[in-house]
Amino acid sequence: MVAGVLVAAAMGMDAVAWRDQFGTIPPKEAMVHTFVLWLLADLFDSLVEQPGATDRLMRETFNSMAAEPGDTPALPRRAATTSIRRG
């Protein structure tokens, strides 16, 4: 199922709509999607040679979305995560 979602996304399809046609996501599958997102974040961090770049980008995005008066305060900064590559 995860491979199908990735193929749908790579083909420019709506990956969420593609997955939704098969019903509710079971907990085991949700864990796999989380792991794939973690690997993609690590790949992006490696490509830009900046550990934690994905985390910073996501925090900046969410903070800018909550920048209107009365919204929740900014997310706290966190130490950069380390890459899974060894060597």
N, C-alpha and C. Protein backbone atom coordinates (compact mmCIF):
# COMPACT_ATOMS: atom_id res chain seq x y z
N MET A 1 0.83 -1.19 0.00
CA MET A 1 0.00 0.00 0.00
C MET A 1 0.87 1.26 0.00
N VAL A 2 1.95 1.23 0.78
CA VAL A 2 2.84 2.39 0.85
C VAL A 2 3.48 2.64 -0.51
N ALA A 3 3.88 1.57 -1.19
CA ALA A 3 4.46 1.73 -2.52
C ALA A 3 3.46 2.37 -3.47
N GLY A 4 2.20 2.00 -3.37
CA GLY A 4 1.16 2.59 -4.21
C GLY A 4 1.01 4.08 -3.95
N VAL A 5 1.07 4.48 -2.70
CA VAL A 5 0.98 5.90 -2.34
C VAL A 5 2.16 6.66 -2.93
N LEU A 6 3.36 6.10 -2.82
CA LEU A 6 4.55 6.76 -3.37
C LEU A 6 4.48 6.86 -4.89
N VAL A 7 4.01 5.81 -5.55
CA VAL A 7 3.87 5.85 -7.01
C VAL A 7 2.83 6.89 -7.41
N ALA A 8 1.71 6.94 -6.70
CA ALA A 8 0.68 7.93 -7.00
C ALA A 8 1.24 9.34 -6.87
N ALA A 9 2.00 9.59 -5.81
CA ALA A 9 2.60 10.91 -5.61
C ALA A 9 3.61 11.22 -6.72
N ALA A 10 4.43 10.24 -7.09
CA ALA A 10 5.44 10.44 -8.13
C ALA A 10 4.79 10.73 -9.49
N MET A 11 3.59 10.19 -9.70
CA MET A 11 2.88 10.41 -10.96
C MET A 11 2.05 11.69 -10.95
N GLY A 12 2.14 12.45 -9.86
CA GLY A 12 1.42 13.71 -9.77
C GLY A 12 -0.04 13.57 -9.36
N MET A 13 -0.40 12.38 -8.91
CA MET A 13 -1.78 12.16 -8.46
C MET A 13 -1.93 12.63 -7.02
N ASP A 14 -3.16 12.77 -6.57
CA ASP A 14 -3.44 13.09 -5.18
C ASP A 14 -3.24 11.82 -4.37
N ALA A 15 -2.11 11.71 -3.67
CA ALA A 15 -1.77 10.49 -2.94
C ALA A 15 -2.76 10.20 -1.82
N VAL A 16 -3.26 11.24 -1.16
CA VAL A 16 -4.23 11.04 -0.08
C VAL A 16 -5.53 10.47 -0.64
N ALA A 17 -6.01 11.04 -1.74
CA ALA A 17 -7.24 10.54 -2.36
C ALA A 17 -7.05 9.11 -2.84
N TRP A 18 -5.87 8.81 -3.39
CA TRP A 18 -5.60 7.45 -3.86
C TRP A 18 -5.69 6.47 -2.70
N ARG A 19 -5.08 6.81 -1.56
CA ARG A 19 -5.09 5.91 -0.40
C ARG A 19 -6.48 5.81 0.22
N ASP A 20 -7.20 6.93 0.25
CA ASP A 20 -8.53 6.96 0.87
C ASP A 20 -9.52 6.01 0.20
N GLN A 21 -9.31 5.69 -1.07
CA GLN A 21 -10.25 4.80 -1.75
C GLN A 21 -10.24 3.38 -1.18
N PHE A 22 -9.23 3.06 -0.37
CA PHE A 22 -9.12 1.72 0.21
C PHE A 22 -9.60 1.67 1.66
N GLY A 23 -10.11 2.77 2.18
CA GLY A 23 -10.67 2.76 3.54
C GLY A 23 -9.69 3.27 4.59
N THR A 24 -10.03 2.98 5.84
CA THR A 24 -9.27 3.46 6.99
C THR A 24 -7.86 2.87 7.01
N ILE A 25 -6.89 3.68 7.42
CA ILE A 25 -5.50 3.22 7.53
C ILE A 25 -5.32 2.52 8.86
N PRO A 26 -4.93 1.25 8.85
CA PRO A 26 -4.69 0.54 10.12
C PRO A 26 -3.42 1.05 10.79
N PRO A 27 -3.30 0.89 12.12
CA PRO A 27 -2.14 1.41 12.85
C PRO A 27 -0.79 0.95 12.30
N LYS A 28 -0.68 -0.31 11.89
CA LYS A 28 0.60 -0.80 11.36
C LYS A 28 1.00 -0.04 10.09
N GLU A 29 0.03 0.23 9.24
CA GLU A 29 0.32 0.97 8.01
C GLU A 29 0.69 2.42 8.32
N ALA A 30 0.04 3.01 9.31
CA ALA A 30 0.36 4.38 9.70
C ALA A 30 1.81 4.48 10.15
N MET A 31 2.29 3.46 10.85
CA MET A 31 3.70 3.45 11.29
C MET A 31 4.64 3.42 10.08
N VAL A 32 4.27 2.67 9.06
CA VAL A 32 5.11 2.59 7.86
C VAL A 32 5.16 3.95 7.17
N HIS A 33 4.02 4.63 7.06
CA HIS A 33 4.00 5.96 6.44
C HIS A 33 4.89 6.92 7.23
N THR A 34 4.85 6.83 8.55
CA THR A 34 5.69 7.69 9.39
C THR A 34 7.16 7.40 9.12
N PHE A 35 7.52 6.13 9.01
CA PHE A 35 8.91 5.76 8.74
C PHE A 35 9.36 6.29 7.39
N VAL A 36 8.50 6.20 6.37
CA VAL A 36 8.84 6.71 5.04
C VAL A 36 9.06 8.22 5.10
N LEU A 37 8.20 8.93 5.82
CA LEU A 37 8.39 10.38 5.96
C LEU A 37 9.71 10.71 6.64
N TRP A 38 10.07 9.93 7.65
CA TRP A 38 11.34 10.13 8.35
C TRP A 38 12.51 9.93 7.38
N LEU A 39 12.45 8.87 6.56
CA LEU A 39 13.52 8.62 5.60
C LEU A 39 13.61 9.73 4.55
N LEU A 40 12.46 10.23 4.08
CA LEU A 40 12.47 11.33 3.12
C LEU A 40 13.05 12.60 3.74
N ALA A 41 12.72 12.86 5.01
CA ALA A 41 13.29 14.02 5.70
C ALA A 41 14.80 13.88 5.82
N ASP A 42 15.27 12.68 6.15
CA ASP A 42 16.71 12.45 6.26
C ASP A 42 17.39 12.60 4.90
N LEU A 43 16.73 12.13 3.83
CA LEU A 43 17.28 12.29 2.49
C LEU A 43 17.41 13.77 2.15
N PHE A 44 16.37 14.56 2.42
CA PHE A 44 16.43 16.00 2.16
C PHE A 44 17.55 16.65 2.96
N ASP A 45 17.65 16.32 4.25
CA ASP A 45 18.72 16.87 5.09
C ASP A 45 20.09 16.54 4.51
N SER A 46 20.24 15.32 4.01
CA SER A 46 21.52 14.89 3.43
C SER A 46 21.81 15.63 2.13
N LEU A 47 20.78 15.82 1.30
CA LEU A 47 20.98 16.51 0.02
C LEU A 47 21.40 17.96 0.21
N VAL A 48 20.84 18.63 1.20
CA VAL A 48 21.20 20.03 1.45
C VAL A 48 22.37 20.15 2.42
N GLU A 49 22.86 18.99 2.89
CA GLU A 49 24.00 18.92 3.82
C GLU A 49 23.79 19.78 5.06
N GLN A 50 22.57 19.73 5.60
CA GLN A 50 22.23 20.47 6.81
C GLN A 50 21.34 19.59 7.69
N PRO A 51 21.93 18.89 8.66
CA PRO A 51 21.10 18.08 9.56
C PRO A 51 20.03 18.95 10.23
N GLY A 52 18.80 18.49 10.24
CA GLY A 52 17.70 19.23 10.86
C GLY A 52 17.03 20.24 9.94
N ALA A 53 17.43 20.29 8.66
CA ALA A 53 16.86 21.28 7.74
C ALA A 53 15.35 21.07 7.56
N THR A 54 14.92 19.83 7.46
CA THR A 54 13.49 19.55 7.29
C THR A 54 12.71 20.00 8.52
N ASP A 55 13.25 19.72 9.69
CA ASP A 55 12.60 20.12 10.94
C ASP A 55 12.45 21.64 10.99
N ARG A 56 13.52 22.37 10.66
CA ARG A 56 13.46 23.84 10.67
C ARG A 56 12.44 24.35 9.65
N LEU A 57 12.44 23.76 8.46
CA LEU A 57 11.50 24.18 7.42
C LEU A 57 10.05 23.98 7.85
N MET A 58 9.76 22.82 8.44
CA MET A 58 8.40 22.54 8.89
C MET A 58 7.99 23.48 10.03
N ARG A 59 8.90 23.73 10.97
CA ARG A 59 8.57 24.64 12.07
C ARG A 59 8.31 26.05 11.57
N GLU A 60 9.14 26.53 10.63
CA GLU A 60 8.93 27.86 10.06
C GLU A 60 7.58 27.92 9.33
N THR A 61 7.24 26.86 8.62
CA THR A 61 5.96 26.82 7.91
C THR A 61 4.79 26.89 8.88
N PHE A 62 4.82 26.04 9.91
CA PHE A 62 3.72 26.04 10.88
C PHE A 62 3.66 27.35 11.67
N ASN A 63 4.81 27.92 12.00
CA ASN A 63 4.83 29.20 12.71
C ASN A 63 4.24 30.31 11.85
N SER A 64 4.54 30.31 10.56
CA SER A 64 3.99 31.36 9.69
C SER A 64 2.48 31.20 9.53
N MET A 65 1.99 29.97 9.60
CA MET A 65 0.55 29.74 9.50
C MET A 65 -0.17 30.20 10.76
N ALA A 66 0.52 30.22 11.89
CA ALA A 66 -0.08 30.60 13.17
C ALA A 66 0.29 32.03 13.55
N ALA A 67 0.70 32.83 12.59
CA ALA A 67 1.20 34.17 12.88
C ALA A 67 0.09 35.21 13.05
N GLU A 68 -1.16 34.83 12.88
CA GLU A 68 -2.25 35.79 13.02
C GLU A 68 -2.58 36.01 14.49
N PRO A 69 -3.05 37.21 14.85
CA PRO A 69 -3.38 37.51 16.25
C PRO A 69 -4.37 36.50 16.83
N GLY A 70 -4.11 36.10 18.06
CA GLY A 70 -4.99 35.17 18.74
C GLY A 70 -4.67 33.71 18.49
N ASP A 71 -3.72 33.43 17.60
CA ASP A 71 -3.35 32.04 17.33
C ASP A 71 -2.39 31.53 18.39
N THR A 72 -2.12 30.26 18.34
CA THR A 72 -1.21 29.64 19.31
C THR A 72 0.20 30.19 19.13
N PRO A 73 0.99 30.21 20.21
CA PRO A 73 2.35 30.72 20.11
C PRO A 73 3.22 29.82 19.24
N ALA A 74 4.37 30.35 18.85
CA ALA A 74 5.30 29.62 17.99
C ALA A 74 5.79 28.35 18.67
N LEU A 75 6.06 27.35 17.85
CA LEU A 75 6.62 26.10 18.37
C LEU A 75 8.03 26.36 18.88
N PRO A 76 8.43 25.72 19.98
CA PRO A 76 9.78 25.93 20.49
C PRO A 76 10.82 25.33 19.56
N ARG A 77 12.00 25.92 19.56
CA ARG A 77 13.10 25.37 18.76
C ARG A 77 13.59 24.11 19.42
N ARG A 78 14.11 23.20 18.61
CA ARG A 78 14.57 21.92 19.10
C ARG A 78 15.93 21.65 18.47
N ALA A 79 16.73 20.86 19.14
CA ALA A 79 18.04 20.51 18.60
C ALA A 79 17.86 19.73 17.30
N ALA A 80 18.78 19.93 16.37
CA ALA A 80 18.71 19.24 15.08
C ALA A 80 18.86 17.74 15.28
N THR A 81 18.11 17.00 14.48
CA THR A 81 18.23 15.54 14.54
C THR A 81 19.46 15.10 13.78
N THR A 82 19.94 13.94 14.09
CA THR A 82 21.12 13.43 13.41
C THR A 82 20.72 12.56 12.23
N SER A 83 21.58 12.47 11.27
CA SER A 83 21.34 11.66 10.09
C SER A 83 21.51 10.19 10.44
N ILE A 84 20.81 9.32 9.71
CA ILE A 84 20.93 7.89 9.97
C ILE A 84 22.13 7.29 9.25
N ARG A 85 22.75 8.06 8.37
CA ARG A 85 23.91 7.52 7.66
C ARG A 85 25.07 7.34 8.62
N ARG A 86 25.81 6.30 8.41
CA ARG A 86 26.99 6.01 9.23
C ARG A 86 28.22 6.15 8.35
N GLY A 87 29.30 6.57 8.95
CA GLY A 87 30.51 6.60 8.14
C GLY A 87 31.49 7.61 8.53
